[in-house]
Amino acid sequence: MYTVKEAASILEMSEHTIRYYTDCGLIPSLTRDKNKQRLFNQESMNWLKGIKILKECGMTIKEIKSYVSLSLQGDSTIEKRYQIFLNLKEIAYSQLEEAKDRVNFLENKVKHYEDIVSEKIADDTNPKKWSESEEE
């Protein structure tokens, strides 16, 4: 059994986050000692690991709570859980494309600034220096 502090250290999460997740009811196998302190067995640690990954995938607490509920219902919800991950994958691919666009933009800007710094071209990046015809 692990305390909140031990679980936080093992899972590289903050104690506050772990307490928050337990308060949201996301750890169905959570137990408490005689002093009402949270205790985590291996199943509880597995839930925490899973929740951490789901949060990193962009799921909200509400969505995670729904996922936990589906998981507790067993094999009859496999199709629903599968659909959740298909949707998350689609979102991740969309975010990846957006990130690639940002990197491309930044690479172009860096190249442009390198040309300005090396005095190959004049500084045309400051809106204060743009003429009225360039604003259109």
C-alpha atoms as a PDB file:
ATOM      1  CA  MET A   1       0.000   0.000   0.000  1.00  0.00           C
ATOM      2  CA  TYR A   2       1.176   3.468  -0.863  1.00  0.00           C
ATOM      3  CA  THR A   3       0.426   6.831   0.724  1.00  0.00           C
ATOM      4  CA  VAL A   4      -0.395   9.889  -1.379  1.00  0.00           C
ATOM      5  CA  LYS A   5       3.194  11.059  -1.011  1.00  0.00           C
ATOM      6  CA  GLU A   6       4.620   7.707  -2.116  1.00  0.00           C
ATOM      7  CA  ALA A   7       2.188   7.420  -5.028  1.00  0.00           C
ATOM      8  CA  ALA A   8       3.048  10.957  -6.136  1.00  0.00           C
ATOM      9  CA  SER A   9       6.753  10.172  -6.089  1.00  0.00           C
ATOM     10  CA  ILE A  10       6.390   6.887  -7.957  1.00  0.00           C
ATOM     11  CA  LEU A  11       4.052   8.286 -10.613  1.00  0.00           C
ATOM     12  CA  GLU A  12       5.728  11.694 -10.907  1.00  0.00           C
ATOM     13  CA  MET A  13       2.506  13.494 -10.077  1.00  0.00           C
ATOM     14  CA  SER A  14       1.793  16.134  -7.490  1.00  0.00           C
ATOM     15  CA  GLU A  15       0.158  15.128  -4.231  1.00  0.00           C
ATOM     16  CA  HIS A  16      -2.483  17.774  -4.903  1.00  0.00           C
ATOM     17  CA  THR A  17      -3.339  16.200  -8.275  1.00  0.00           C
ATOM     18  CA  ILE A  18      -3.675  12.742  -6.742  1.00  0.00           C
ATOM     19  CA  ARG A  19      -5.933  14.055  -3.988  1.00  0.00           C
ATOM     20  CA  TYR A  20      -8.004  15.901  -6.596  1.00  0.00           C
ATOM     21  CA  TYR A  21      -8.425  12.753  -8.692  1.00  0.00           C
ATOM     22  CA  THR A  22      -9.511  10.769  -5.652  1.00  0.00           C
ATOM     23  CA  ASP A  23     -11.931  13.516  -4.612  1.00  0.00           C
ATOM     24  CA  CYS A  24     -13.441  13.378  -8.125  1.00  0.00           C
ATOM     25  CA  GLY A  25     -14.083   9.663  -7.636  1.00  0.00           C
ATOM     26  CA  LEU A  26     -11.677   8.557 -10.358  1.00  0.00           C
ATOM     27  CA  ILE A  27      -9.982   5.833  -8.294  1.00  0.00           C
ATOM     28  CA  PRO A  28     -12.604   3.161  -7.579  1.00  0.00           C
ATOM     29  CA  SER A  29     -10.194   0.890  -5.688  1.00  0.00           C
ATOM     30  CA  LEU A  30      -9.044   3.598  -3.268  1.00  0.00           C
ATOM     31  CA  THR A  31      -8.979   2.595   0.374  1.00  0.00           C
ATOM     32  CA  ARG A  32      -8.427   4.603   3.535  1.00  0.00           C
ATOM     33  CA  ASP A  33      -6.734   3.780   6.788  1.00  0.00           C
ATOM     34  CA  LYS A  34      -8.245   4.210  10.244  1.00  0.00           C
ATOM     35  CA  ASN A  35      -7.301   7.914  10.123  1.00  0.00           C
ATOM     36  CA  LYS A  36      -9.079   8.363   6.763  1.00  0.00           C
ATOM     37  CA  GLN A  37      -5.754   8.758   4.944  1.00  0.00           C
ATOM     38  CA  ARG A  38      -5.836   7.637   1.332  1.00  0.00           C
ATOM     39  CA  LEU A  39      -4.050   4.358   0.586  1.00  0.00           C
ATOM     40  CA  PHE A  40      -3.257   3.033  -2.858  1.00  0.00           C
ATOM     41  CA  ASN A  41      -2.853  -0.634  -3.699  1.00  0.00           C
ATOM     42  CA  GLN A  42      -1.506  -1.802  -7.067  1.00  0.00           C
ATOM     43  CA  GLU A  43      -4.928  -1.522  -8.705  1.00  0.00           C
ATOM     44  CA  SER A  44      -5.257   2.057  -7.452  1.00  0.00           C
ATOM     45  CA  MET A  45      -1.799   2.856  -8.803  1.00  0.00           C
ATOM     46  CA  ASN A  46      -2.858   1.383 -12.156  1.00  0.00           C
ATOM     47  CA  TRP A  47      -5.914   3.651 -12.204  1.00  0.00           C
ATOM     48  CA  LEU A  48      -3.719   6.664 -11.424  1.00  0.00           C
ATOM     49  CA  LYS A  49      -1.283   5.740 -14.211  1.00  0.00           C
ATOM     50  CA  GLY A  50      -4.162   5.390 -16.641  1.00  0.00           C
ATOM     51  CA  ILE A  51      -5.730   8.677 -15.599  1.00  0.00           C
ATOM     52  CA  LYS A  52      -2.408  10.463 -15.968  1.00  0.00           C
ATOM     53  CA  ILE A  53      -2.122   9.174 -19.542  1.00  0.00           C
ATOM     54  CA  LEU A  54      -5.722  10.072 -20.363  1.00  0.00           C
ATOM     55  CA  LYS A  55      -5.149  13.625 -19.082  1.00  0.00           C
ATOM     56  CA  GLU A  56      -2.015  13.853 -21.230  1.00  0.00           C
ATOM     57  CA  CYS A  57      -4.176  12.781 -24.192  1.00  0.00           C
ATOM     58  CA  GLY A  58      -6.433  15.770 -23.535  1.00  0.00           C
ATOM     59  CA  MET A  59      -9.364  14.166 -21.765  1.00  0.00           C
ATOM     60  CA  THR A  60     -11.293  16.262 -19.261  1.00  0.00           C
ATOM     61  CA  ILE A  61     -12.054  15.046 -15.752  1.00  0.00           C
ATOM     62  CA  LYS A  62     -15.677  14.554 -16.804  1.00  0.00           C
ATOM     63  CA  GLU A  63     -14.595  12.409 -19.775  1.00  0.00           C
ATOM     64  CA  ILE A  64     -12.219  10.402 -17.599  1.00  0.00           C
ATOM     65  CA  LYS A  65     -14.977   9.835 -15.055  1.00  0.00           C
ATOM     66  CA  SER A  66     -17.160   8.500 -17.863  1.00  0.00           C
ATOM     67  CA  TYR A  67     -14.329   6.256 -19.041  1.00  0.00           C
ATOM     68  CA  VAL A  68     -13.796   4.917 -15.508  1.00  0.00           C
ATOM     69  CA  SER A  69     -17.520   4.207 -15.238  1.00  0.00           C
ATOM     70  CA  LEU A  70     -17.503   2.375 -18.572  1.00  0.00           C
ATOM     71  CA  SER A  71     -14.451   0.363 -17.515  1.00  0.00           C
ATOM     72  CA  LEU A  72     -16.145  -0.684 -14.295  1.00  0.00           C
ATOM     73  CA  GLN A  73     -19.124  -1.971 -16.303  1.00  0.00           C
ATOM     74  CA  GLY A  74     -16.851  -4.496 -17.956  1.00  0.00           C
ATOM     75  CA  ASP A  75     -16.595  -6.029 -21.390  1.00  0.00           C
ATOM     76  CA  SER A  76     -20.024  -4.841 -22.512  1.00  0.00           C
ATOM     77  CA  THR A  77     -18.531  -1.338 -22.905  1.00  0.00           C
ATOM     78  CA  ILE A  78     -15.460  -2.261 -24.949  1.00  0.00           C
ATOM     79  CA  GLU A  79     -16.945  -0.772 -28.144  1.00  0.00           C
ATOM     80  CA  LYS A  80     -17.694   2.534 -26.393  1.00  0.00           C
ATOM     81  CA  ARG A  81     -14.181   2.674 -24.932  1.00  0.00           C
ATOM     82  CA  TYR A  82     -12.730   1.845 -28.345  1.00  0.00           C
ATOM     83  CA  GLN A  83     -14.656   4.778 -29.842  1.00  0.00           C
ATOM     84  CA  ILE A  84     -13.246   7.087 -27.163  1.00  0.00           C
ATOM     85  CA  PHE A  85      -9.721   6.186 -28.228  1.00  0.00           C
ATOM     86  CA  LEU A  86     -10.529   6.520 -31.919  1.00  0.00           C
ATOM     87  CA  ASN A  87     -11.783  10.049 -31.221  1.00  0.00           C
ATOM     88  CA  LEU A  88      -8.719  10.885 -29.124  1.00  0.00           C
ATOM     89  CA  LYS A  89      -6.479   9.622 -31.918  1.00  0.00           C
ATOM     90  CA  GLU A  90      -8.281  11.815 -34.459  1.00  0.00           C
ATOM     91  CA  ILE A  91      -7.866  14.849 -32.206  1.00  0.00           C
ATOM     92  CA  ALA A  92      -4.180  14.053 -31.664  1.00  0.00           C
ATOM     93  CA  TYR A  93      -3.568  13.811 -35.417  1.00  0.00           C
ATOM     94  CA  SER A  94      -5.305  17.142 -35.926  1.00  0.00           C
ATOM     95  CA  GLN A  95      -3.165  18.723 -33.198  1.00  0.00           C
ATOM     96  CA  LEU A  96      -0.068  17.196 -34.775  1.00  0.00           C
ATOM     97  CA  GLU A  97      -0.890  18.840 -38.110  1.00  0.00           C
ATOM     98  CA  GLU A  98      -1.445  22.166 -36.341  1.00  0.00           C
ATOM     99  CA  ALA A  99       1.911  21.767 -34.586  1.00  0.00           C
ATOM    100  CA  LYS A 100       3.616  21.018 -37.916  1.00  0.00           C
ATOM    101  CA  ASP A 101       2.066  24.212 -39.359  1.00  0.00           C
ATOM    102  CA  ARG A 102       3.375  26.219 -36.381  1.00  0.00           C
ATOM    103  CA  VAL A 103       6.863  24.751 -36.777  1.00  0.00           C
ATOM    104  CA  ASN A 104       6.822  25.555 -40.488  1.00  0.00           C
ATOM    105  CA  PHE A 105       5.737  29.140 -39.741  1.00  0.00           C
ATOM    106  CA  LEU A 106       8.457  29.501 -37.115  1.00  0.00           C
ATOM    107  CA  GLU A 107      11.123  28.052 -39.408  1.00  0.00           C
ATOM    108  CA  ASN A 108      10.171  30.617 -42.051  1.00  0.00           C
ATOM    109  CA  LYS A 109      10.213  33.448 -39.508  1.00  0.00           C
ATOM    110  CA  VAL A 110      13.612  32.385 -38.178  1.00  0.00           C
ATOM    111  CA  LYS A 111      15.003  32.284 -41.725  1.00  0.00           C
ATOM    112  CA  HIS A 112      13.499  35.703 -42.416  1.00  0.00           C
ATOM    113  CA  TYR A 113      15.054  37.146 -39.251  1.00  0.00           C
ATOM    114  CA  GLU A 114      18.400  35.528 -40.095  1.00  0.00           C
ATOM    115  CA  ASP A 115      18.303  37.407 -43.404  1.00  0.00           C
ATOM    116  CA  ILE A 116      17.536  40.641 -41.534  1.00  0.00           C
ATOM    117  CA  VAL A 117      20.260  40.064 -38.926  1.00  0.00           C
ATOM    118  CA  SER A 118      22.821  39.271 -41.628  1.00  0.00           C
ATOM    119  CA  GLU A 119      21.674  42.432 -43.441  1.00  0.00           C
ATOM    120  CA  LYS A 120      20.638  40.561 -46.599  1.00  0.00           C
ATOM    121  CA  ILE A 121      17.269  42.332 -46.381  1.00  0.00           C
ATOM    122  CA  ALA A 122      15.871  45.337 -44.519  1.00  0.00           C
ATOM    123  CA  ASP A 123      13.768  44.884 -41.403  1.00  0.00           C
ATOM    124  CA  ASP A 124      10.182  44.609 -42.582  1.00  0.00           C
ATOM    125  CA  THR A 125       8.799  42.950 -39.437  1.00  0.00           C
ATOM    126  CA  ASN A 126       7.850  46.025 -37.409  1.00  0.00           C
ATOM    127  CA  PRO A 127       4.258  47.138 -38.101  1.00  0.00           C
ATOM    128  CA  LYS A 128       5.269  50.705 -37.228  1.00  0.00           C
ATOM    129  CA  LYS A 129       7.446  50.714 -40.365  1.00  0.00           C
ATOM    130  CA  TRP A 130       4.796  49.378 -42.748  1.00  0.00           C
ATOM    131  CA  SER A 131       3.432  51.802 -45.283  1.00  0.00           C
ATOM    132  CA  GLU A 132      -0.309  52.222 -45.738  1.00  0.00           C
ATOM    133  CA  SER A 133      -0.257  50.241 -48.990  1.00  0.00           C
ATOM    134  CA  GLU A 134       1.277  47.224 -47.179  1.00  0.00           C
ATOM    135  CA  GLU A 135      -1.518  47.145 -44.609  1.00  0.00           C
ATOM    136  CA  GLU A 136      -4.063  46.058 -47.223  1.00  0.00           C
END
